[in-house]
Amino acid sequence: MKKIILGIILLGLTCSAVQAAGVQNVDSPTAQKMLKENSDIYLLDVRTPQEYFQARLAGSHLIPIDKFLARINEVPKDRPLLVYCAVGARSSQVAEYLARQGYPEVYDLRGGIEAWSKLYRLPVLNGAP
């Protein structure tokens, strides 16, 4: 919980609606389809390394929310972005921030990896990359 609060403070985000910032929320089946159809999508995981090793989406890039500002230059501006976390709280904050910084095509995975793996039973990778 401390990391989530720290992430909010570090990013200087407000609680405004994600849609207002130009972020599109997508459910897991839609995200899976997008990833299959467009290999250029940059898949951004903003969870902790421990969470990432437990379960992650194939092809994802880990930038924990508490390190995000220091590593934002790793996130490409010329590709669509799909951001996810455990349940959607952290990813919505990061997605909103990216949209406000001028990233043109930002998607937030609604329900996070929990919905992806448990609700929709879609595949995840486990262990160290």
N, C-alpha and C. Protein backbone atom coordinates (compact mmCIF):
# COMPACT_ATOMS: atom_id res chain seq x y z
N MET A 1 0.82 -1.18 0.00
CA MET A 1 0.00 0.00 0.00
C MET A 1 0.87 1.25 0.00
N LYS A 2 2.00 1.20 0.73
CA LYS A 2 2.90 2.35 0.76
C LYS A 2 3.42 2.68 -0.63
N LYS A 3 3.71 1.65 -1.43
CA LYS A 3 4.23 1.87 -2.78
C LYS A 3 3.18 2.51 -3.67
N ILE A 4 1.93 2.12 -3.49
CA ILE A 4 0.86 2.73 -4.28
C ILE A 4 0.74 4.21 -3.93
N ILE A 5 0.74 4.52 -2.64
CA ILE A 5 0.64 5.91 -2.21
C ILE A 5 1.85 6.70 -2.68
N LEU A 6 3.04 6.10 -2.55
CA LEU A 6 4.25 6.76 -3.02
C LEU A 6 4.16 7.02 -4.51
N GLY A 7 3.65 6.05 -5.26
CA GLY A 7 3.50 6.22 -6.70
C GLY A 7 2.57 7.36 -7.05
N ILE A 8 1.49 7.49 -6.31
CA ILE A 8 0.55 8.58 -6.56
C ILE A 8 1.22 9.92 -6.29
N ILE A 9 1.93 10.00 -5.18
CA ILE A 9 2.62 11.24 -4.84
C ILE A 9 3.70 11.56 -5.87
N LEU A 10 4.50 10.56 -6.24
CA LEU A 10 5.57 10.78 -7.21
C LEU A 10 5.04 11.24 -8.56
N LEU A 11 3.96 10.66 -8.98
CA LEU A 11 3.43 11.01 -10.28
C LEU A 11 2.60 12.30 -10.26
N GLY A 12 2.24 12.74 -9.07
CA GLY A 12 1.47 13.98 -8.97
C GLY A 12 0.14 13.89 -9.66
N LEU A 13 -0.50 12.75 -9.54
CA LEU A 13 -1.75 12.53 -10.25
C LEU A 13 -2.94 12.94 -9.40
N THR A 14 -4.01 13.25 -10.08
CA THR A 14 -5.27 13.53 -9.40
C THR A 14 -6.17 12.33 -9.54
N CYS A 15 -7.31 12.38 -8.95
CA CYS A 15 -8.26 11.28 -9.02
C CYS A 15 -9.27 11.48 -10.15
N SER A 16 -8.94 12.29 -11.13
CA SER A 16 -9.86 12.51 -12.25
C SER A 16 -10.02 11.25 -13.06
N ALA A 17 -11.09 11.19 -13.83
CA ALA A 17 -11.39 10.00 -14.62
C ALA A 17 -10.31 9.74 -15.66
N VAL A 18 -10.00 8.46 -15.83
CA VAL A 18 -8.99 8.07 -16.81
C VAL A 18 -9.44 8.47 -18.21
N GLN A 19 -10.71 8.34 -18.51
CA GLN A 19 -11.20 8.67 -19.84
C GLN A 19 -10.93 10.13 -20.20
N ALA A 20 -10.94 11.02 -19.21
CA ALA A 20 -10.71 12.44 -19.46
C ALA A 20 -9.31 12.70 -20.01
N ALA A 21 -8.37 11.83 -19.69
CA ALA A 21 -6.99 12.02 -20.13
C ALA A 21 -6.73 11.38 -21.49
N GLY A 22 -7.73 10.76 -22.09
CA GLY A 22 -7.53 10.14 -23.39
C GLY A 22 -7.08 8.70 -23.31
N VAL A 23 -7.20 8.08 -22.18
CA VAL A 23 -6.84 6.68 -22.01
C VAL A 23 -8.06 5.83 -22.33
N GLN A 24 -7.82 4.74 -23.03
CA GLN A 24 -8.91 3.82 -23.33
C GLN A 24 -8.78 2.60 -22.44
N ASN A 25 -9.85 2.29 -21.70
CA ASN A 25 -9.88 1.09 -20.87
C ASN A 25 -10.27 -0.08 -21.75
N VAL A 26 -9.55 -1.19 -21.63
CA VAL A 26 -9.87 -2.39 -22.40
C VAL A 26 -9.94 -3.59 -21.47
N ASP A 27 -10.85 -4.50 -21.77
CA ASP A 27 -10.92 -5.72 -20.98
C ASP A 27 -9.88 -6.71 -21.50
N SER A 28 -9.71 -7.80 -20.80
CA SER A 28 -8.67 -8.77 -21.13
C SER A 28 -8.82 -9.40 -22.52
N PRO A 29 -10.03 -9.85 -22.90
CA PRO A 29 -10.15 -10.42 -24.24
C PRO A 29 -9.82 -9.42 -25.35
N THR A 30 -10.22 -8.17 -25.16
CA THR A 30 -9.89 -7.14 -26.14
C THR A 30 -8.39 -6.90 -26.18
N ALA A 31 -7.76 -6.84 -25.02
CA ALA A 31 -6.31 -6.63 -24.95
C ALA A 31 -5.57 -7.79 -25.61
N GLN A 32 -6.02 -9.02 -25.36
CA GLN A 32 -5.39 -10.19 -25.96
C GLN A 32 -5.48 -10.11 -27.49
N LYS A 33 -6.62 -9.72 -27.98
CA LYS A 33 -6.82 -9.58 -29.43
C LYS A 33 -5.91 -8.49 -29.99
N MET A 34 -5.83 -7.36 -29.29
CA MET A 34 -4.96 -6.27 -29.72
C MET A 34 -3.51 -6.73 -29.81
N LEU A 35 -3.05 -7.46 -28.80
CA LEU A 35 -1.67 -7.93 -28.76
C LEU A 35 -1.38 -8.92 -29.89
N LYS A 36 -2.35 -9.75 -30.23
CA LYS A 36 -2.18 -10.70 -31.33
C LYS A 36 -2.13 -10.00 -32.68
N GLU A 37 -2.93 -8.96 -32.82
CA GLU A 37 -3.05 -8.26 -34.11
C GLU A 37 -2.00 -7.20 -34.33
N ASN A 38 -1.38 -6.71 -33.26
CA ASN A 38 -0.41 -5.63 -33.40
C ASN A 38 0.81 -5.90 -32.53
N SER A 39 1.85 -6.43 -33.13
CA SER A 39 3.07 -6.77 -32.39
C SER A 39 3.85 -5.53 -31.97
N ASP A 40 3.43 -4.36 -32.41
CA ASP A 40 4.12 -3.12 -32.07
C ASP A 40 3.68 -2.54 -30.72
N ILE A 41 2.66 -3.11 -30.11
CA ILE A 41 2.18 -2.59 -28.83
C ILE A 41 3.24 -2.80 -27.76
N TYR A 42 3.53 -1.73 -27.01
CA TYR A 42 4.47 -1.79 -25.88
C TYR A 42 3.67 -2.14 -24.64
N LEU A 43 3.92 -3.30 -24.08
CA LEU A 43 3.19 -3.81 -22.93
C LEU A 43 3.95 -3.45 -21.66
N LEU A 44 3.36 -2.58 -20.85
CA LEU A 44 4.02 -2.02 -19.68
C LEU A 44 3.39 -2.53 -18.39
N ASP A 45 4.19 -3.21 -17.58
CA ASP A 45 3.79 -3.72 -16.27
C ASP A 45 4.35 -2.78 -15.22
N VAL A 46 3.48 -2.22 -14.37
CA VAL A 46 3.93 -1.24 -13.38
C VAL A 46 3.90 -1.79 -11.95
N ARG A 47 3.90 -3.12 -11.82
CA ARG A 47 3.89 -3.75 -10.51
C ARG A 47 5.31 -3.87 -9.95
N THR A 48 5.44 -4.52 -8.83
CA THR A 48 6.74 -4.74 -8.22
C THR A 48 7.45 -5.92 -8.91
N PRO A 49 8.77 -6.01 -8.77
CA PRO A 49 9.47 -7.18 -9.33
C PRO A 49 8.93 -8.50 -8.78
N GLN A 50 8.59 -8.55 -7.51
CA GLN A 50 8.06 -9.78 -6.92
C GLN A 50 6.75 -10.19 -7.61
N GLU A 51 5.87 -9.24 -7.84
CA GLU A 51 4.61 -9.54 -8.53
C GLU A 51 4.88 -10.01 -9.96
N TYR A 52 5.83 -9.34 -10.61
CA TYR A 52 6.19 -9.66 -12.00
C TYR A 52 6.69 -11.10 -12.12
N PHE A 53 7.50 -11.55 -11.16
CA PHE A 53 8.03 -12.91 -11.20
C PHE A 53 6.94 -13.95 -10.91
N GLN A 54 5.93 -13.56 -10.13
CA GLN A 54 4.84 -14.49 -9.81
C GLN A 54 3.98 -14.78 -11.03
N ALA A 55 3.67 -13.73 -11.79
CA ALA A 55 2.84 -13.88 -13.00
C ALA A 55 2.96 -12.61 -13.82
N ARG A 56 3.17 -12.79 -15.13
CA ARG A 56 3.29 -11.64 -16.02
C ARG A 56 2.77 -12.00 -17.39
N LEU A 57 2.48 -10.98 -18.17
CA LEU A 57 2.06 -11.19 -19.54
C LEU A 57 3.28 -11.31 -20.43
N ALA A 58 3.23 -12.21 -21.38
CA ALA A 58 4.34 -12.43 -22.29
C ALA A 58 4.66 -11.14 -23.04
N GLY A 59 5.95 -10.82 -23.09
CA GLY A 59 6.40 -9.64 -23.82
C GLY A 59 6.32 -8.34 -23.05
N SER A 60 5.96 -8.41 -21.78
CA SER A 60 5.81 -7.17 -21.00
C SER A 60 7.16 -6.63 -20.53
N HIS A 61 7.15 -5.32 -20.31
CA HIS A 61 8.31 -4.59 -19.80
C HIS A 61 7.98 -4.11 -18.40
N LEU A 62 8.83 -4.45 -17.44
CA LEU A 62 8.58 -4.07 -16.05
C LEU A 62 9.22 -2.72 -15.74
N ILE A 63 8.38 -1.77 -15.34
CA ILE A 63 8.84 -0.50 -14.77
C ILE A 63 7.93 -0.25 -13.56
N PRO A 64 8.38 -0.63 -12.37
CA PRO A 64 7.54 -0.45 -11.18
C PRO A 64 7.12 1.01 -11.00
N ILE A 65 5.93 1.20 -10.50
CA ILE A 65 5.37 2.55 -10.37
C ILE A 65 6.28 3.45 -9.53
N ASP A 66 6.96 2.90 -8.53
CA ASP A 66 7.81 3.74 -7.69
C ASP A 66 9.12 4.12 -8.38
N LYS A 67 9.40 3.56 -9.54
CA LYS A 67 10.60 3.91 -10.32
C LYS A 67 10.22 4.58 -11.64
N PHE A 68 8.93 4.80 -11.83
CA PHE A 68 8.43 5.20 -13.14
C PHE A 68 8.99 6.53 -13.64
N LEU A 69 8.96 7.55 -12.81
CA LEU A 69 9.45 8.86 -13.27
C LEU A 69 10.92 8.81 -13.68
N ALA A 70 11.72 8.06 -12.96
CA ALA A 70 13.14 7.95 -13.28
C ALA A 70 13.38 7.17 -14.57
N ARG A 71 12.40 6.34 -14.97
CA ARG A 71 12.59 5.48 -16.13
C ARG A 71 11.62 5.77 -17.28
N ILE A 72 10.90 6.88 -17.20
CA ILE A 72 9.89 7.17 -18.22
C ILE A 72 10.48 7.24 -19.63
N ASN A 73 11.76 7.58 -19.73
CA ASN A 73 12.39 7.66 -21.04
C ASN A 73 12.48 6.30 -21.74
N GLU A 74 12.25 5.21 -21.02
CA GLU A 74 12.24 3.87 -21.61
C GLU A 74 10.93 3.57 -22.34
N VAL A 75 9.92 4.37 -22.09
CA VAL A 75 8.60 4.14 -22.68
C VAL A 75 8.52 4.88 -24.01
N PRO A 76 8.36 4.15 -25.11
CA PRO A 76 8.35 4.80 -26.42
C PRO A 76 7.09 5.63 -26.65
N LYS A 77 7.27 6.78 -27.29
CA LYS A 77 6.13 7.64 -27.62
C LYS A 77 5.52 7.31 -28.97
N ASP A 78 6.24 6.54 -29.77
CA ASP A 78 5.79 6.28 -31.14
C ASP A 78 5.13 4.91 -31.31
N ARG A 79 4.71 4.30 -30.21
CA ARG A 79 4.04 3.01 -30.26
C ARG A 79 2.81 3.05 -29.37
N PRO A 80 1.78 2.25 -29.68
CA PRO A 80 0.66 2.13 -28.75
C PRO A 80 1.15 1.51 -27.45
N LEU A 81 0.58 1.93 -26.33
CA LEU A 81 0.97 1.44 -25.01
C LEU A 81 -0.22 0.73 -24.36
N LEU A 82 0.05 -0.42 -23.77
CA LEU A 82 -0.94 -1.11 -22.97
C LEU A 82 -0.33 -1.28 -21.58
N VAL A 83 -0.94 -0.64 -20.59
CA VAL A 83 -0.42 -0.61 -19.23
C VAL A 83 -1.26 -1.54 -18.36
N TYR A 84 -0.58 -2.32 -17.49
CA TYR A 84 -1.32 -3.16 -16.57
C TYR A 84 -0.61 -3.27 -15.23
N CYS A 85 -1.39 -3.66 -14.23
CA CYS A 85 -0.87 -3.93 -12.89
C CYS A 85 -1.65 -5.12 -12.34
N ALA A 86 -1.84 -5.20 -11.05
CA ALA A 86 -2.54 -6.35 -10.46
C ALA A 86 -4.04 -6.28 -10.72
N VAL A 87 -4.67 -5.15 -10.35
CA VAL A 87 -6.13 -5.03 -10.50
C VAL A 87 -6.57 -3.77 -11.22
N GLY A 88 -5.65 -2.91 -11.58
CA GLY A 88 -6.00 -1.73 -12.36
C GLY A 88 -5.79 -0.39 -11.69
N ALA A 89 -5.50 -0.36 -10.40
CA ALA A 89 -5.33 0.93 -9.69
C ALA A 89 -4.05 1.64 -10.12
N ARG A 90 -2.93 0.96 -10.06
CA ARG A 90 -1.66 1.58 -10.43
C ARG A 90 -1.58 1.86 -11.92
N SER A 91 -2.05 0.92 -12.73
CA SER A 91 -1.96 1.11 -14.18
C SER A 91 -2.80 2.30 -14.65
N SER A 92 -3.95 2.52 -14.03
CA SER A 92 -4.78 3.66 -14.44
C SER A 92 -4.08 4.97 -14.12
N GLN A 93 -3.34 5.03 -13.02
CA GLN A 93 -2.59 6.24 -12.67
C GLN A 93 -1.49 6.50 -13.68
N VAL A 94 -0.74 5.45 -14.02
CA VAL A 94 0.36 5.60 -14.98
C VAL A 94 -0.17 5.91 -16.37
N ALA A 95 -1.23 5.23 -16.78
CA ALA A 95 -1.81 5.47 -18.10
C ALA A 95 -2.28 6.91 -18.22
N GLU A 96 -2.94 7.42 -17.20
CA GLU A 96 -3.41 8.81 -17.21
C GLU A 96 -2.21 9.76 -17.31
N TYR A 97 -1.18 9.50 -16.56
CA TYR A 97 0.01 10.34 -16.59
C TYR A 97 0.63 10.34 -17.99
N LEU A 98 0.76 9.18 -18.59
CA LEU A 98 1.35 9.08 -19.93
C LEU A 98 0.52 9.87 -20.95
N ALA A 99 -0.78 9.75 -20.87
CA ALA A 99 -1.65 10.49 -21.79
C ALA A 99 -1.47 11.99 -21.60
N ARG A 100 -1.36 12.42 -20.38
CA ARG A 100 -1.16 13.86 -20.10
C ARG A 100 0.21 14.36 -20.56
N GLN A 101 1.16 13.44 -20.69
CA GLN A 101 2.49 13.81 -21.16
C GLN A 101 2.58 13.76 -22.68
N GLY A 102 1.48 13.49 -23.35
CA GLY A 102 1.46 13.52 -24.80
C GLY A 102 1.61 12.19 -25.50
N TYR A 103 1.60 11.11 -24.77
CA TYR A 103 1.63 9.80 -25.41
C TYR A 103 0.28 9.63 -26.12
N PRO A 104 0.31 9.40 -27.43
CA PRO A 104 -0.93 9.49 -28.21
C PRO A 104 -1.89 8.31 -28.10
N GLU A 105 -1.40 7.11 -27.85
CA GLU A 105 -2.28 5.94 -27.84
C GLU A 105 -1.99 5.09 -26.61
N VAL A 106 -2.82 5.30 -25.56
CA VAL A 106 -2.59 4.64 -24.28
C VAL A 106 -3.84 3.83 -23.90
N TYR A 107 -3.61 2.57 -23.56
CA TYR A 107 -4.67 1.67 -23.13
C TYR A 107 -4.37 1.19 -21.71
N ASP A 108 -5.43 1.03 -20.93
CA ASP A 108 -5.30 0.52 -19.56
C ASP A 108 -6.07 -0.79 -19.47
N LEU A 109 -5.40 -1.84 -18.99
CA LEU A 109 -6.03 -3.15 -18.86
C LEU A 109 -6.96 -3.16 -17.65
N ARG A 110 -8.24 -3.14 -17.91
CA ARG A 110 -9.26 -3.12 -16.85
C ARG A 110 -9.20 -4.43 -16.04
N GLY A 111 -9.07 -4.31 -14.74
CA GLY A 111 -9.02 -5.48 -13.86
C GLY A 111 -7.63 -6.08 -13.73
N GLY A 112 -6.67 -5.56 -14.48
CA GLY A 112 -5.29 -5.98 -14.38
C GLY A 112 -5.06 -7.45 -14.69
N ILE A 113 -3.91 -7.94 -14.25
CA ILE A 113 -3.55 -9.33 -14.51
C ILE A 113 -4.43 -10.30 -13.73
N GLU A 114 -5.05 -9.82 -12.66
CA GLU A 114 -5.97 -10.67 -11.91
C GLU A 114 -7.16 -11.05 -12.78
N ALA A 115 -7.76 -10.08 -13.44
CA ALA A 115 -8.89 -10.38 -14.34
C ALA A 115 -8.41 -11.22 -15.52
N TRP A 116 -7.25 -10.86 -16.07
CA TRP A 116 -6.69 -11.60 -17.21
C TRP A 116 -6.56 -13.09 -16.88
N SER A 117 -5.95 -13.40 -15.74
CA SER A 117 -5.65 -14.80 -15.43
C SER A 117 -6.77 -15.54 -14.70
N LYS A 118 -7.49 -14.85 -13.84
CA LYS A 118 -8.49 -15.56 -13.02
C LYS A 118 -9.90 -15.47 -13.59
N LEU A 119 -10.30 -14.30 -14.03
CA LEU A 119 -11.65 -14.15 -14.57
C LEU A 119 -11.75 -14.72 -15.99
N TYR A 120 -10.77 -14.36 -16.83
CA TYR A 120 -10.81 -14.79 -18.23
C TYR A 120 -9.94 -16.02 -18.50
N ARG A 121 -9.15 -16.43 -17.51
CA ARG A 121 -8.31 -17.64 -17.63
C ARG A 121 -7.38 -17.59 -18.85
N LEU A 122 -6.79 -16.42 -19.06
CA LEU A 122 -5.84 -16.25 -20.16
C LEU A 122 -4.44 -16.57 -19.64
N PRO A 123 -3.52 -16.92 -20.53
CA PRO A 123 -2.19 -17.39 -20.09
C PRO A 123 -1.29 -16.31 -19.52
N VAL A 124 -0.49 -16.71 -18.53
CA VAL A 124 0.54 -15.84 -17.96
C VAL A 124 1.84 -16.64 -17.88
N LEU A 125 2.93 -15.92 -17.74
CA LEU A 125 4.24 -16.54 -17.53
C LEU A 125 4.58 -16.44 -16.05
N ASN A 126 5.32 -17.40 -15.54
CA ASN A 126 5.73 -17.40 -14.13
C ASN A 126 7.24 -17.51 -14.03
N GLY A 127 7.80 -17.00 -12.93
CA GLY A 127 9.22 -17.10 -12.68
C GLY A 127 9.99 -15.93 -13.29
N ALA A 128 11.30 -15.99 -13.11
CA ALA A 128 12.16 -14.93 -13.63
C ALA A 128 12.16 -14.96 -15.16
N PRO A 129 12.22 -13.79 -15.78
CA PRO A 129 12.26 -13.74 -17.25
C PRO A 129 13.55 -14.32 -17.81
